[in-house]
C-alpha atoms as a PDB file:
ATOM      1  CA  MET A   1      -0.132   0.110  -0.114  1.00  0.00           C
ATOM      2  CA  THR A   2       1.375   3.458  -0.765  1.00  0.00           C
ATOM      3  CA  ALA A   3       1.618   6.451   1.344  1.00  0.00           C
ATOM      4  CA  PHE A   4      -1.473   8.025  -0.872  1.00  0.00           C
ATOM      5  CA  ASP A   5      -3.475   4.881  -0.205  1.00  0.00           C
ATOM      6  CA  GLU A   6      -2.751   5.083   3.396  1.00  0.00           C
ATOM      7  CA  HIS A   7      -3.984   8.588   3.634  1.00  0.00           C
ATOM      8  CA  VAL A   8      -7.184   7.275   1.982  1.00  0.00           C
ATOM      9  CA  ARG A   9      -7.514   4.557   4.287  1.00  0.00           C
ATOM     10  CA  ARG A  10      -6.669   6.901   7.270  1.00  0.00           C
ATOM     11  CA  ALA A  11      -9.622   9.407   6.046  1.00  0.00           C
ATOM     12  CA  LEU A  12     -12.077   6.333   5.935  1.00  0.00           C
ATOM     13  CA  ASP A  13     -11.059   5.087   9.370  1.00  0.00           C
ATOM     14  CA  SER A  14     -11.671   8.421  11.069  1.00  0.00           C
ATOM     15  CA  LEU A  15     -15.375   8.230  10.056  1.00  0.00           C
ATOM     16  CA  PRO A  16     -17.516   8.556  13.194  1.00  0.00           C
ATOM     17  CA  PRO A  17     -18.977   4.909  13.719  1.00  0.00           C
ATOM     18  CA  PRO A  18     -22.578   5.865  12.849  1.00  0.00           C
ATOM     19  CA  ILE A  19     -21.589   7.314   9.445  1.00  0.00           C
ATOM     20  CA  ALA A  20     -19.208   4.280   8.802  1.00  0.00           C
ATOM     21  CA  ALA A  21     -21.981   1.964   9.582  1.00  0.00           C
ATOM     22  CA  ALA A  22     -24.361   3.766   7.204  1.00  0.00           C
ATOM     23  CA  LEU A  23     -22.112   3.021   4.047  1.00  0.00           C
ATOM     24  CA  GLU A  24     -23.498   0.227   2.098  1.00  0.00           C
ATOM     25  CA  ASN A  25     -22.643  -1.036  -1.047  1.00  0.00           C
ATOM     26  CA  VAL A  26     -20.041   1.579  -1.886  1.00  0.00           C
ATOM     27  CA  ALA A  27     -16.557   0.996  -3.185  1.00  0.00           C
ATOM     28  CA  VAL A  28     -13.755   3.698  -2.505  1.00  0.00           C
ATOM     29  CA  VAL A  29     -10.875   3.330  -5.061  1.00  0.00           C
ATOM     30  CA  VAL A  30      -7.596   5.228  -5.862  1.00  0.00           C
ATOM     31  CA  GLU A  31      -6.950   6.009  -9.483  1.00  0.00           C
ATOM     32  CA  ASP A  32      -4.337   7.943 -11.103  1.00  0.00           C
ATOM     33  CA  GLU A  33      -6.593  10.559 -12.770  1.00  0.00           C
ATOM     34  CA  ASN A  34     -10.066  10.802 -14.427  1.00  0.00           C
ATOM     35  CA  PRO A  35      -9.523  10.623 -18.143  1.00  0.00           C
ATOM     36  CA  ALA A  36     -12.310  12.870 -18.997  1.00  0.00           C
ATOM     37  CA  GLU A  37     -11.333  15.614 -16.365  1.00  0.00           C
ATOM     38  CA  PRO A  38      -7.444  15.142 -15.434  1.00  0.00           C
ATOM     39  CA  ASP A  39      -7.667  17.962 -12.847  1.00  0.00           C
ATOM     40  CA  LEU A  40     -10.579  16.399 -10.738  1.00  0.00           C
ATOM     41  CA  LEU A  41      -9.702  15.445  -7.399  1.00  0.00           C
ATOM     42  CA  GLY A  42     -12.466  12.876  -6.689  1.00  0.00           C
ATOM     43  CA  LEU A  43     -15.824  11.554  -8.200  1.00  0.00           C
ATOM     44  CA  PHE A  44     -18.656   9.929  -6.619  1.00  0.00           C
ATOM     45  CA  GLU A  45     -20.722   7.748  -9.125  1.00  0.00           C
ATOM     46  CA  ARG A  46     -23.942   5.817  -8.647  1.00  0.00           C
ATOM     47  CA  GLU A  47     -25.366   3.472 -11.477  1.00  0.00           C
ATOM     48  CA  PRO A  48     -28.748   1.700 -11.068  1.00  0.00           C
ATOM     49  CA  TYR A  49     -27.975  -1.912  -9.987  1.00  0.00           C
ATOM     50  CA  LEU A  50     -24.360  -1.282  -9.252  1.00  0.00           C
ATOM     51  CA  PRO A  51     -22.481  -0.513  -6.022  1.00  0.00           C
ATOM     52  CA  ALA A  52     -21.794   3.235  -5.426  1.00  0.00           C
ATOM     53  CA  ARG A  53     -18.347   4.141  -6.460  1.00  0.00           C
ATOM     54  CA  ILE A  54     -15.952   6.910  -5.126  1.00  0.00           C
ATOM     55  CA  ALA A  55     -12.891   7.537  -7.056  1.00  0.00           C
ATOM     56  CA  ILE A  56      -9.871   9.504  -5.556  1.00  0.00           C
ATOM     57  CA  TYR A  57      -7.541  10.841  -8.123  1.00  0.00           C
ATOM     58  CA  ARG A  58      -3.817  10.498  -6.925  1.00  0.00           C
ATOM     59  CA  ARG A  59      -2.071  12.704  -9.774  1.00  0.00           C
ATOM     60  CA  PRO A  60      -3.995  15.858  -9.478  1.00  0.00           C
ATOM     61  CA  LEU A  61      -3.800  15.823  -5.501  1.00  0.00           C
ATOM     62  CA  GLU A  62      -0.076  15.158  -5.457  1.00  0.00           C
ATOM     63  CA  GLU A  63       0.585  17.571  -8.118  1.00  0.00           C
ATOM     64  CA  GLU A  64      -1.216  20.451  -6.384  1.00  0.00           C
ATOM     65  CA  PHE A  65      -0.401  19.616  -2.776  1.00  0.00           C
ATOM     66  CA  GLY A  66       2.383  16.962  -2.891  1.00  0.00           C
ATOM     67  CA  ASP A  67       5.067  19.518  -1.643  1.00  0.00           C
ATOM     68  CA  ASP A  68       3.496  19.714   1.695  1.00  0.00           C
ATOM     69  CA  PRO A  69       2.969  16.350   3.120  1.00  0.00           C
ATOM     70  CA  ALA A  70       0.535  17.557   5.969  1.00  0.00           C
ATOM     71  CA  ARG A  71      -1.571  19.622   3.336  1.00  0.00           C
ATOM     72  CA  LEU A  72      -1.604  16.565   0.931  1.00  0.00           C
ATOM     73  CA  GLU A  73      -2.966  14.372   3.895  1.00  0.00           C
ATOM     74  CA  GLU A  74      -5.750  16.959   4.792  1.00  0.00           C
ATOM     75  CA  GLU A  75      -6.774  17.529   1.045  1.00  0.00           C
ATOM     76  CA  ILE A  76      -7.097  13.841   0.582  1.00  0.00           C
ATOM     77  CA  ARG A  77      -9.173  13.687   3.554  1.00  0.00           C
ATOM     78  CA  VAL A  78     -11.313  16.587   2.517  1.00  0.00           C
ATOM     79  CA  THR A  79     -11.697  14.934  -1.158  1.00  0.00           C
ATOM     80  CA  VAL A  80     -12.804  11.612   0.726  1.00  0.00           C
ATOM     81  CA  LEU A  81     -15.360  13.436   2.861  1.00  0.00           C
ATOM     82  CA  HIS A  82     -16.595  15.519  -0.091  1.00  0.00           C
ATOM     83  CA  GLU A  83     -17.390  12.489  -2.153  1.00  0.00           C
ATOM     84  CA  LEU A  84     -18.769  10.580   0.747  1.00  0.00           C
ATOM     85  CA  ALA A  85     -21.059  13.526   1.565  1.00  0.00           C
ATOM     86  CA  HIS A  86     -22.451  13.112  -2.197  1.00  0.00           C
ATOM     87  CA  TYR A  87     -23.250   9.436  -1.227  1.00  0.00           C
ATOM     88  CA  PHE A  88     -25.506  10.745   1.509  1.00  0.00           C
ATOM     89  CA  GLY A  89     -27.133  13.101  -0.698  1.00  0.00           C
ATOM     90  CA  PHE A  90     -25.341  16.576  -0.256  1.00  0.00           C
ATOM     91  CA  GLU A  91     -25.291  18.722  -3.049  1.00  0.00           C
ATOM     92  CA  GLU A  92     -22.261  20.990  -4.169  1.00  0.00           C
ATOM     93  CA  GLY A  93     -23.804  24.066  -2.828  1.00  0.00           C
ATOM     94  CA  ARG A  94     -24.174  22.526   0.656  1.00  0.00           C
ATOM     95  CA  LEU A  95     -20.774  21.294   0.782  1.00  0.00           C
ATOM     96  CA  ASP A  96     -19.382  24.759  -0.213  1.00  0.00           C
ATOM     97  CA  GLU A  97     -21.565  26.217   2.969  1.00  0.00           C
ATOM     98  CA  LEU A  98     -19.845  23.503   4.904  1.00  0.00           C
ATOM     99  CA  GLY A  99     -16.434  24.122   3.798  1.00  0.00           C
ATOM    100  CA  TYR A 100     -15.802  21.014   1.798  1.00  0.00           C
ATOM    101  CA  GLY A 101     -16.450  22.626  -1.502  1.00  0.00           C
END
């Protein structure tokens, strides 16, 4: 497991137990980048009859925040939480209000 993957794991492990218990049928994966939008940090997808999917994109996060390991870890955490919020039905406007935009 890479350091980046470990940051994602720590972000997931830090979820409060009631939130973690509410996650059902969702996969969180790390990918290099989104081919359609290479600057995207993360993406939540839900397709009928398939598990929900959250992708966290390594390359744009490392390029933007990789010079500062603590900041990189924090931005990975924010990205994971942002995408999980979409899983729970939060829209972009509300995430902006909460500081996760």
